[in-house]
Amino acid sequence: MLASVVWIILYHSLAYSFLCWLTLFLAAAFTFAGIWAADKLEPYWGEDPSRVVVDEMVGVWIPLLAVPDGVHWYWYVLGAFCLFRVFDIFKPLGIRKMESFGGGVGVMMDDILAGLYSFILLAGVRWVIG
């Protein structure tokens, strides 16, 4: 939730095209940081430690890339967040299988795939609505 709020603040503060590039850069950077952190912390905190939330942050930023600039953007932000949570909770379409990679890669990949599926659906809605 906090990652979405931060993104909304940036949405209102930065040029839209810059925000898209920044979101991509931060998602990539935090993916590598999350893999490293989860690998280091799993021996102490257990498998997929709930205290490591960088995976959720990266996962929700991915569908936010489908949020349009202009009117009704807030519905897309809400849709991005809700779609990501649904995919993250129920883990359909191979998302659960990503956890089998183990270590930091497994921790990050299930949320990244949930984010990608959410992005695809939200971008599809944007395409249909126009």
N, C-alpha and C. Protein backbone atom coordinates (compact mmCIF):
# COMPACT_ATOMS: atom_id res chain seq x y z
N MET A 1 0.83 -1.19 0.00
CA MET A 1 0.00 0.00 0.00
C MET A 1 0.88 1.26 0.00
N LEU A 2 1.91 1.24 0.83
CA LEU A 2 2.80 2.40 0.91
C LEU A 2 3.48 2.66 -0.43
N ALA A 3 3.86 1.60 -1.14
CA ALA A 3 4.50 1.77 -2.45
C ALA A 3 3.56 2.46 -3.42
N SER A 4 2.26 2.16 -3.35
CA SER A 4 1.27 2.81 -4.21
C SER A 4 1.12 4.28 -3.84
N VAL A 5 1.10 4.57 -2.55
CA VAL A 5 0.97 5.96 -2.10
C VAL A 5 2.18 6.79 -2.56
N VAL A 6 3.36 6.24 -2.40
CA VAL A 6 4.57 6.93 -2.87
C VAL A 6 4.49 7.18 -4.37
N TRP A 7 4.03 6.19 -5.12
CA TRP A 7 3.92 6.33 -6.58
C TRP A 7 2.91 7.43 -6.93
N ILE A 8 1.80 7.50 -6.20
CA ILE A 8 0.79 8.54 -6.45
C ILE A 8 1.39 9.93 -6.22
N ILE A 9 2.16 10.07 -5.16
CA ILE A 9 2.82 11.35 -4.89
C ILE A 9 3.77 11.71 -6.04
N LEU A 10 4.52 10.73 -6.50
CA LEU A 10 5.42 10.96 -7.64
C LEU A 10 4.64 11.28 -8.91
N TYR A 11 3.48 10.65 -9.09
CA TYR A 11 2.62 10.90 -10.25
C TYR A 11 2.26 12.38 -10.33
N HIS A 12 2.00 12.97 -9.18
CA HIS A 12 1.62 14.38 -9.14
C HIS A 12 2.82 15.32 -9.13
N SER A 13 4.00 14.79 -8.94
CA SER A 13 5.19 15.63 -8.79
C SER A 13 6.11 15.62 -10.01
N LEU A 14 6.04 14.59 -10.82
CA LEU A 14 7.00 14.41 -11.91
C LEU A 14 6.28 14.38 -13.26
N ALA A 15 7.03 14.63 -14.31
CA ALA A 15 6.50 14.46 -15.66
C ALA A 15 6.17 12.98 -15.86
N TYR A 16 5.07 12.70 -16.54
CA TYR A 16 4.58 11.33 -16.69
C TYR A 16 5.61 10.41 -17.33
N SER A 17 6.24 10.84 -18.40
CA SER A 17 7.22 9.97 -19.08
C SER A 17 8.41 9.68 -18.17
N PHE A 18 8.84 10.69 -17.41
CA PHE A 18 9.94 10.47 -16.47
C PHE A 18 9.53 9.48 -15.39
N LEU A 19 8.30 9.61 -14.90
CA LEU A 19 7.80 8.69 -13.88
C LEU A 19 7.80 7.25 -14.38
N CYS A 20 7.41 7.04 -15.63
CA CYS A 20 7.42 5.68 -16.19
C CYS A 20 8.83 5.11 -16.21
N TRP A 21 9.78 5.89 -16.69
CA TRP A 21 11.18 5.43 -16.71
C TRP A 21 11.72 5.21 -15.30
N LEU A 22 11.38 6.11 -14.39
CA LEU A 22 11.83 5.97 -13.01
C LEU A 22 11.24 4.71 -12.37
N THR A 23 9.97 4.44 -12.66
CA THR A 23 9.33 3.24 -12.13
C THR A 23 10.03 1.99 -12.63
N LEU A 24 10.34 1.94 -13.91
CA LEU A 24 11.07 0.80 -14.48
C LEU A 24 12.43 0.64 -13.83
N PHE A 25 13.15 1.74 -13.70
CA PHE A 25 14.49 1.69 -13.09
C PHE A 25 14.41 1.22 -11.64
N LEU A 26 13.50 1.80 -10.88
CA LEU A 26 13.39 1.42 -9.46
C LEU A 26 12.93 -0.03 -9.30
N ALA A 27 12.02 -0.47 -10.16
CA ALA A 27 11.58 -1.87 -10.09
C ALA A 27 12.75 -2.81 -10.34
N ALA A 28 13.57 -2.50 -11.33
CA ALA A 28 14.74 -3.34 -11.62
C ALA A 28 15.74 -3.28 -10.48
N ALA A 29 16.04 -2.09 -9.99
CA ALA A 29 17.02 -1.94 -8.91
C ALA A 29 16.57 -2.65 -7.65
N PHE A 30 15.29 -2.47 -7.29
CA PHE A 30 14.79 -3.11 -6.07
C PHE A 30 14.61 -4.61 -6.25
N THR A 31 14.46 -5.08 -7.49
CA THR A 31 14.42 -6.53 -7.72
C THR A 31 15.75 -7.14 -7.33
N PHE A 32 16.83 -6.56 -7.82
CA PHE A 32 18.16 -7.09 -7.47
C PHE A 32 18.45 -6.94 -5.99
N ALA A 33 18.05 -5.80 -5.41
CA ALA A 33 18.25 -5.59 -3.97
C ALA A 33 17.42 -6.59 -3.17
N GLY A 34 16.21 -6.88 -3.63
CA GLY A 34 15.35 -7.82 -2.94
C GLY A 34 15.86 -9.24 -3.00
N ILE A 35 16.39 -9.64 -4.14
CA ILE A 35 16.99 -10.97 -4.26
C ILE A 35 18.15 -11.11 -3.29
N TRP A 36 19.00 -10.10 -3.27
CA TRP A 36 20.15 -10.12 -2.37
C TRP A 36 19.71 -10.16 -0.91
N ALA A 37 18.75 -9.28 -0.54
CA ALA A 37 18.30 -9.19 0.85
C ALA A 37 17.63 -10.49 1.30
N ALA A 38 16.77 -11.05 0.46
CA ALA A 38 16.09 -12.29 0.84
C ALA A 38 17.08 -13.43 0.98
N ASP A 39 18.06 -13.50 0.09
CA ASP A 39 19.10 -14.53 0.21
C ASP A 39 19.85 -14.40 1.53
N LYS A 40 20.15 -13.18 1.93
CA LYS A 40 20.90 -12.95 3.17
C LYS A 40 20.04 -13.20 4.41
N LEU A 41 18.75 -12.88 4.34
CA LEU A 41 17.90 -12.93 5.53
C LEU A 41 17.19 -14.26 5.75
N GLU A 42 16.99 -15.05 4.69
CA GLU A 42 16.29 -16.33 4.84
C GLU A 42 16.92 -17.25 5.89
N PRO A 43 18.25 -17.35 5.99
CA PRO A 43 18.82 -18.23 7.02
C PRO A 43 18.43 -17.81 8.45
N TYR A 44 18.15 -16.54 8.65
CA TYR A 44 17.82 -16.03 9.98
C TYR A 44 16.31 -15.92 10.21
N TRP A 45 15.57 -15.52 9.18
CA TRP A 45 14.14 -15.24 9.33
C TRP A 45 13.25 -16.31 8.71
N GLY A 46 13.80 -17.29 8.06
CA GLY A 46 13.01 -18.36 7.44
C GLY A 46 12.72 -18.07 5.98
N GLU A 47 12.09 -19.06 5.33
CA GLU A 47 11.79 -18.98 3.91
C GLU A 47 10.75 -17.90 3.63
N ASP A 48 10.98 -17.09 2.61
CA ASP A 48 10.11 -15.97 2.20
C ASP A 48 9.66 -15.16 3.41
N PRO A 49 10.60 -14.53 4.10
CA PRO A 49 10.26 -13.82 5.33
C PRO A 49 9.27 -12.68 5.09
N SER A 50 8.22 -12.63 5.90
CA SER A 50 7.18 -11.61 5.71
C SER A 50 7.69 -10.21 6.03
N ARG A 51 8.79 -10.12 6.74
CA ARG A 51 9.36 -8.80 7.05
C ARG A 51 10.05 -8.19 5.83
N VAL A 52 10.35 -9.00 4.83
CA VAL A 52 10.92 -8.49 3.58
C VAL A 52 9.75 -8.15 2.66
N VAL A 53 9.50 -6.86 2.45
CA VAL A 53 8.34 -6.43 1.66
C VAL A 53 8.73 -5.81 0.32
N VAL A 54 10.00 -5.84 0.00
CA VAL A 54 10.45 -5.26 -1.26
C VAL A 54 9.82 -5.99 -2.44
N ASP A 55 9.52 -7.27 -2.29
CA ASP A 55 8.88 -8.02 -3.36
C ASP A 55 7.48 -7.48 -3.66
N GLU A 56 6.74 -7.13 -2.63
CA GLU A 56 5.40 -6.55 -2.81
C GLU A 56 5.51 -5.18 -3.47
N MET A 57 6.50 -4.42 -3.08
CA MET A 57 6.70 -3.08 -3.62
C MET A 57 6.96 -3.15 -5.12
N VAL A 58 7.88 -4.01 -5.52
CA VAL A 58 8.20 -4.16 -6.94
C VAL A 58 6.98 -4.69 -7.69
N GLY A 59 6.31 -5.67 -7.10
CA GLY A 59 5.15 -6.26 -7.75
C GLY A 59 4.05 -5.27 -8.05
N VAL A 60 3.77 -4.36 -7.13
CA VAL A 60 2.69 -3.39 -7.35
C VAL A 60 3.13 -2.26 -8.28
N TRP A 61 4.42 -1.98 -8.36
CA TRP A 61 4.87 -0.93 -9.28
C TRP A 61 4.69 -1.35 -10.74
N ILE A 62 4.77 -2.63 -11.03
CA ILE A 62 4.68 -3.10 -12.43
C ILE A 62 3.33 -2.74 -13.06
N PRO A 63 2.19 -3.08 -12.45
CA PRO A 63 0.92 -2.69 -13.09
C PRO A 63 0.68 -1.18 -13.08
N LEU A 64 1.33 -0.46 -12.19
CA LEU A 64 1.18 1.00 -12.19
C LEU A 64 1.72 1.61 -13.48
N LEU A 65 2.55 0.87 -14.20
CA LEU A 65 3.05 1.34 -15.50
C LEU A 65 1.93 1.44 -16.54
N ALA A 66 0.79 0.80 -16.29
CA ALA A 66 -0.35 0.87 -17.21
C ALA A 66 -1.29 2.02 -16.88
N VAL A 67 -1.02 2.76 -15.82
CA VAL A 67 -1.88 3.88 -15.44
C VAL A 67 -1.67 5.02 -16.44
N PRO A 68 -2.77 5.52 -17.02
CA PRO A 68 -2.63 6.59 -18.01
C PRO A 68 -2.39 7.95 -17.35
N ASP A 69 -1.87 8.85 -18.13
CA ASP A 69 -1.74 10.23 -17.69
C ASP A 69 -3.04 10.93 -18.02
N GLY A 70 -3.60 11.64 -17.10
CA GLY A 70 -4.82 12.39 -17.39
C GLY A 70 -5.99 11.93 -16.55
N VAL A 71 -7.17 12.09 -17.12
CA VAL A 71 -8.41 11.83 -16.37
C VAL A 71 -8.55 10.35 -16.03
N HIS A 72 -9.21 10.12 -14.93
CA HIS A 72 -9.55 8.78 -14.43
C HIS A 72 -8.34 7.94 -14.05
N TRP A 73 -7.18 8.56 -13.88
CA TRP A 73 -5.98 7.82 -13.49
C TRP A 73 -6.20 7.08 -12.19
N TYR A 74 -6.94 7.64 -11.26
CA TYR A 74 -7.12 7.06 -9.93
C TYR A 74 -7.82 5.71 -9.99
N TRP A 75 -8.72 5.50 -10.95
CA TRP A 75 -9.37 4.19 -11.10
C TRP A 75 -8.35 3.14 -11.53
N TYR A 76 -7.43 3.55 -12.36
CA TYR A 76 -6.39 2.62 -12.81
C TYR A 76 -5.42 2.29 -11.68
N VAL A 77 -5.11 3.26 -10.83
CA VAL A 77 -4.26 2.99 -9.66
C VAL A 77 -4.96 1.99 -8.75
N LEU A 78 -6.23 2.21 -8.49
CA LEU A 78 -7.00 1.28 -7.66
C LEU A 78 -7.05 -0.10 -8.31
N GLY A 79 -7.27 -0.13 -9.62
CA GLY A 79 -7.29 -1.40 -10.34
C GLY A 79 -5.95 -2.11 -10.29
N ALA A 80 -4.86 -1.35 -10.44
CA ALA A 80 -3.52 -1.94 -10.39
C ALA A 80 -3.28 -2.59 -9.03
N PHE A 81 -3.62 -1.87 -7.97
CA PHE A 81 -3.41 -2.39 -6.63
C PHE A 81 -4.27 -3.63 -6.39
N CYS A 82 -5.55 -3.56 -6.73
CA CYS A 82 -6.47 -4.69 -6.48
C CYS A 82 -6.10 -5.91 -7.32
N LEU A 83 -5.80 -5.71 -8.59
CA LEU A 83 -5.41 -6.84 -9.44
C LEU A 83 -4.15 -7.50 -8.91
N PHE A 84 -3.16 -6.69 -8.53
CA PHE A 84 -1.93 -7.26 -7.99
C PHE A 84 -2.22 -8.08 -6.74
N ARG A 85 -3.04 -7.55 -5.84
CA ARG A 85 -3.33 -8.28 -4.60
C ARG A 85 -4.04 -9.60 -4.91
N VAL A 86 -4.98 -9.60 -5.85
CA VAL A 86 -5.69 -10.84 -6.20
C VAL A 86 -4.71 -11.87 -6.74
N PHE A 87 -3.87 -11.47 -7.68
CA PHE A 87 -2.88 -12.41 -8.23
C PHE A 87 -1.88 -12.86 -7.17
N ASP A 88 -1.50 -11.95 -6.28
CA ASP A 88 -0.52 -12.29 -5.25
C ASP A 88 -1.11 -13.24 -4.20
N ILE A 89 -2.37 -13.07 -3.88
CA ILE A 89 -3.00 -13.92 -2.86
C ILE A 89 -3.31 -15.31 -3.42
N PHE A 90 -3.97 -15.36 -4.58
CA PHE A 90 -4.43 -16.65 -5.12
C PHE A 90 -3.37 -17.38 -5.94
N LYS A 91 -2.39 -16.66 -6.46
CA LYS A 91 -1.25 -17.22 -7.19
C LYS A 91 -1.65 -18.20 -8.31
N PRO A 92 -2.50 -17.76 -9.25
CA PRO A 92 -2.86 -18.63 -10.38
C PRO A 92 -1.81 -18.57 -11.49
N LEU A 93 -2.03 -19.35 -12.53
CA LEU A 93 -1.27 -19.26 -13.78
C LEU A 93 0.24 -19.34 -13.61
N GLY A 94 0.69 -20.23 -12.76
CA GLY A 94 2.12 -20.44 -12.59
C GLY A 94 2.80 -19.54 -11.59
N ILE A 95 2.07 -18.65 -10.96
CA ILE A 95 2.69 -17.74 -9.98
C ILE A 95 3.22 -18.54 -8.80
N ARG A 96 2.43 -19.48 -8.31
CA ARG A 96 2.87 -20.29 -7.16
C ARG A 96 4.15 -21.07 -7.51
N LYS A 97 4.26 -21.50 -8.74
CA LYS A 97 5.43 -22.27 -9.17
C LYS A 97 6.72 -21.44 -9.07
N MET A 98 6.60 -20.13 -9.18
CA MET A 98 7.78 -19.26 -9.08
C MET A 98 8.46 -19.39 -7.71
N GLU A 99 7.67 -19.66 -6.68
CA GLU A 99 8.22 -19.81 -5.34
C GLU A 99 9.17 -20.99 -5.24
N SER A 100 9.01 -21.96 -6.15
CA SER A 100 9.85 -23.16 -6.10
C SER A 100 11.31 -22.88 -6.50
N PHE A 101 11.57 -21.70 -7.07
CA PHE A 101 12.95 -21.35 -7.37
C PHE A 101 13.77 -21.25 -6.09
N GLY A 102 13.12 -20.91 -5.00
CA GLY A 102 13.80 -20.81 -3.72
C GLY A 102 14.68 -19.58 -3.62
N GLY A 103 15.09 -19.28 -2.41
CA GLY A 103 15.97 -18.14 -2.18
C GLY A 103 15.35 -16.83 -2.59
N GLY A 104 16.20 -15.85 -2.81
CA GLY A 104 15.74 -14.52 -3.17
C GLY A 104 15.01 -14.47 -4.50
N VAL A 105 15.42 -15.31 -5.45
CA VAL A 105 14.75 -15.34 -6.76
C VAL A 105 13.31 -15.78 -6.59
N GLY A 106 13.07 -16.82 -5.82
CA GLY A 106 11.71 -17.29 -5.57
C GLY A 106 10.86 -16.27 -4.85
N VAL A 107 11.47 -15.57 -3.90
CA VAL A 107 10.75 -14.53 -3.14
C VAL A 107 10.29 -13.43 -4.09
N MET A 108 11.14 -13.01 -5.00
CA MET A 108 10.82 -11.89 -5.88
C MET A 108 9.97 -12.29 -7.08
N MET A 109 10.22 -13.46 -7.66
CA MET A 109 9.61 -13.80 -8.94
C MET A 109 8.10 -14.00 -8.87
N ASP A 110 7.57 -14.52 -7.76
CA ASP A 110 6.12 -14.70 -7.71
C ASP A 110 5.41 -13.34 -7.73
N ASP A 111 5.97 -12.35 -7.06
CA ASP A 111 5.36 -11.03 -7.06
C ASP A 111 5.57 -10.31 -8.39
N ILE A 112 6.70 -10.53 -9.02
CA ILE A 112 6.94 -9.94 -10.33
C ILE A 112 5.96 -10.50 -11.36
N LEU A 113 5.74 -11.81 -11.33
CA LEU A 113 4.79 -12.41 -12.27
C LEU A 113 3.36 -11.94 -11.97
N ALA A 114 3.00 -11.82 -10.69
CA ALA A 114 1.69 -11.28 -10.33
C ALA A 114 1.55 -9.85 -10.86
N GLY A 115 2.62 -9.07 -10.76
CA GLY A 115 2.61 -7.72 -11.29
C GLY A 115 2.49 -7.68 -12.80
N LEU A 116 3.17 -8.60 -13.48
CA LEU A 116 3.09 -8.66 -14.95
C LEU A 116 1.69 -9.03 -15.41
N TYR A 117 1.07 -10.03 -14.77
CA TYR A 117 -0.31 -10.39 -15.13
C TYR A 117 -1.26 -9.22 -14.89
N SER A 118 -1.05 -8.51 -13.78
CA SER A 118 -1.89 -7.35 -13.48
C SER A 118 -1.70 -6.26 -14.52
N PHE A 119 -0.45 -6.04 -14.93
CA PHE A 119 -0.16 -5.06 -15.97
C PHE A 119 -0.87 -5.42 -17.27
N ILE A 120 -0.79 -6.68 -17.67
CA ILE A 120 -1.41 -7.12 -18.92
C ILE A 120 -2.91 -6.88 -18.89
N LEU A 121 -3.56 -7.24 -17.78
CA LEU A 121 -5.01 -7.03 -17.67
C LEU A 121 -5.36 -5.54 -17.69
N LEU A 122 -4.62 -4.75 -16.94
CA LEU A 122 -4.90 -3.32 -16.88
C LEU A 122 -4.63 -2.64 -18.22
N ALA A 123 -3.56 -3.02 -18.89
CA ALA A 123 -3.27 -2.47 -20.22
C ALA A 123 -4.36 -2.89 -21.20
N GLY A 124 -4.86 -4.11 -21.05
CA GLY A 124 -5.97 -4.56 -21.89
C GLY A 124 -7.23 -3.73 -21.67
N VAL A 125 -7.51 -3.42 -20.43
CA VAL A 125 -8.66 -2.56 -20.11
C VAL A 125 -8.47 -1.19 -20.74
N ARG A 126 -7.28 -0.65 -20.63
CA ARG A 126 -6.98 0.66 -21.26
C ARG A 126 -7.18 0.60 -22.76
N TRP A 127 -6.76 -0.49 -23.37
CA TRP A 127 -6.89 -0.63 -24.82
C TRP A 127 -8.36 -0.71 -25.23
N VAL A 128 -9.16 -1.48 -24.46
CA VAL A 128 -10.58 -1.64 -24.78
C VAL A 128 -11.34 -0.33 -24.57
N ILE A 129 -11.06 0.33 -23.47
CA ILE A 129 -11.77 1.57 -23.15
C ILE A 129 -11.33 2.70 -24.08
N GLY A 130 -10.05 2.68 -24.42
CA GLY A 130 -9.54 3.68 -25.36
C GLY A 130 -8.90 4.78 -24.71
